[in-house]
Amino acid sequence: MTAYYYLAIAICAEVIATLSMKAVKGLSTPLPLLLVVLGYGTAFVLLTLVMRAIPVGITYAIWSGMGIVLVSIAAYFIYGQKLDLAAVAGLAMIVGGVLVIQLFSQTSGH
């Protein structure tokens, strides 16, 4: 179960790093740059720990899928990114795919 906590933190760190990239303007904005470096560093360190308990394919599917969904939702609120019906449907399919892996796959590591 600890692996899933690490995975959740890795996803959050990656989302923060990705959202911060939009605010990086070279070295003139050190805080967003620091968030990018620390966020991705934290995410990758935690992913190495997660992969000790959860298969690499499952780990990456959950990490990348949920990262996409959370970045899209956060960007809607923070940056005013528009999400049309097709985008919302695609994001829902990603969430559905992660749920199928977690609920029905024997390889999900739980």
Protein backbone atom coordinates (compact mmCIF):
# COMPACT_ATOMS: atom_id res chain seq x y z
CA MET A 1 0.00 0.00 0.00
CA THR A 2 2.95 2.33 0.62
CA ALA A 3 3.75 2.16 -3.09
CA TYR A 4 0.39 3.72 -3.90
CA TYR A 5 1.03 6.59 -1.48
CA TYR A 6 4.38 7.19 -3.15
CA LEU A 7 2.68 7.02 -6.54
CA ALA A 8 0.08 9.61 -5.47
CA ILE A 9 2.83 11.94 -4.26
CA ALA A 10 4.80 11.38 -7.48
CA ILE A 11 1.72 12.30 -9.52
CA CYS A 12 1.17 15.48 -7.48
CA ALA A 13 4.85 16.45 -7.81
CA GLU A 14 4.74 15.91 -11.57
CA VAL A 15 1.55 17.98 -11.90
CA ILE A 16 3.09 20.87 -9.95
CA ALA A 17 6.25 20.69 -12.08
CA THR A 18 4.33 20.58 -15.35
CA LEU A 19 2.07 23.48 -14.41
CA SER A 20 5.10 25.50 -13.28
CA MET A 21 6.80 25.10 -16.67
CA LYS A 22 4.41 27.61 -18.23
CA ALA A 23 5.65 30.28 -15.78
CA VAL A 24 9.37 29.66 -16.44
CA LYS A 25 10.89 32.45 -18.49
CA GLY A 26 14.54 31.52 -18.59
CA LEU A 27 16.37 32.24 -15.37
CA SER A 28 14.36 35.40 -14.68
CA THR A 29 11.71 33.47 -12.71
CA PRO A 30 13.58 31.29 -10.22
CA LEU A 31 10.59 30.04 -8.19
CA PRO A 32 8.80 28.32 -11.09
CA LEU A 33 12.12 26.91 -12.29
CA LEU A 34 12.80 25.55 -8.81
CA LEU A 35 9.32 23.97 -8.72
CA VAL A 36 9.98 22.29 -12.07
CA VAL A 37 13.32 20.84 -10.96
CA LEU A 38 12.13 19.76 -7.51
CA GLY A 39 8.81 18.47 -8.79
CA TYR A 40 10.26 16.25 -11.48
CA GLY A 41 13.14 15.19 -9.21
CA THR A 42 10.70 14.16 -6.50
CA ALA A 43 8.44 12.39 -8.98
CA PHE A 44 11.24 10.32 -10.50
CA VAL A 45 12.77 9.36 -7.16
CA LEU A 46 9.39 8.21 -5.89
CA LEU A 47 8.66 6.34 -9.12
CA THR A 48 11.80 4.28 -8.63
CA LEU A 49 10.45 3.26 -5.21
CA VAL A 50 6.98 2.54 -6.58
CA MET A 51 8.38 0.23 -9.26
CA ARG A 52 9.76 -2.06 -6.57
CA ALA A 53 6.18 -3.10 -5.76
CA ILE A 54 4.12 -2.27 -8.86
CA PRO A 55 5.06 -3.38 -12.40
CA VAL A 56 6.63 -0.68 -14.57
CA GLY A 57 3.86 -0.66 -17.18
CA ILE A 58 1.13 -0.29 -14.58
CA THR A 59 3.08 2.38 -12.70
CA TYR A 60 3.66 4.40 -15.85
CA ALA A 61 0.06 4.02 -17.04
CA ILE A 62 -1.32 5.36 -13.76
CA TRP A 63 1.33 8.08 -13.36
CA SER A 64 1.07 9.44 -16.89
CA GLY A 65 -2.69 9.00 -17.21
CA MET A 66 -3.59 10.69 -13.97
CA GLY A 67 -0.94 13.35 -14.61
CA ILE A 68 -2.60 14.21 -17.93
CA VAL A 69 -6.04 14.42 -16.35
CA LEU A 70 -4.95 16.49 -13.35
CA VAL A 71 -2.80 18.87 -15.41
CA SER A 72 -5.72 19.43 -17.80
CA ILE A 73 -8.15 20.13 -14.97
CA ALA A 74 -5.72 22.42 -13.13
CA ALA A 75 -4.82 24.26 -16.36
CA TYR A 76 -8.54 24.89 -16.91
CA PHE A 77 -8.72 26.76 -13.60
CA ILE A 78 -5.24 28.30 -13.43
CA TYR A 79 -4.56 29.21 -17.06
CA GLY A 80 -8.07 29.30 -18.51
CA GLN A 81 -7.36 26.37 -20.82
CA LYS A 82 -10.54 25.42 -22.63
CA LEU A 83 -11.74 21.84 -22.60
CA ASP A 84 -14.29 20.96 -25.26
CA LEU A 85 -16.54 17.91 -25.19
CA ALA A 86 -14.01 15.75 -27.02
CA ALA A 87 -11.29 16.67 -24.50
CA VAL A 88 -13.56 15.89 -21.55
CA ALA A 89 -14.55 12.57 -23.16
CA GLY A 90 -10.90 11.68 -23.73
CA LEU A 91 -9.99 12.55 -20.14
CA ALA A 92 -12.91 10.44 -18.91
CA MET A 93 -11.60 7.50 -20.96
CA ILE A 94 -8.16 7.89 -19.37
CA VAL A 95 -9.70 7.80 -15.89
CA GLY A 96 -11.77 4.80 -16.98
CA GLY A 97 -8.64 3.02 -18.18
CA VAL A 98 -6.87 3.61 -14.87
CA LEU A 99 -9.95 2.29 -13.02
CA VAL A 100 -10.07 -0.83 -15.19
CA ILE A 101 -6.40 -1.50 -14.43
CA GLN A 102 -6.94 -1.03 -10.71
CA LEU A 103 -10.19 -2.91 -10.37
CA PHE A 104 -9.80 -5.78 -12.81
CA SER A 105 -6.14 -6.35 -13.68
CA GLN A 106 -4.22 -9.07 -11.89
CA THR A 107 -0.94 -7.29 -12.69
CA SER A 108 -1.65 -4.06 -10.80
CA GLY A 109 0.46 -5.07 -7.80
CA HIS A 110 -2.14 -5.00 -5.03
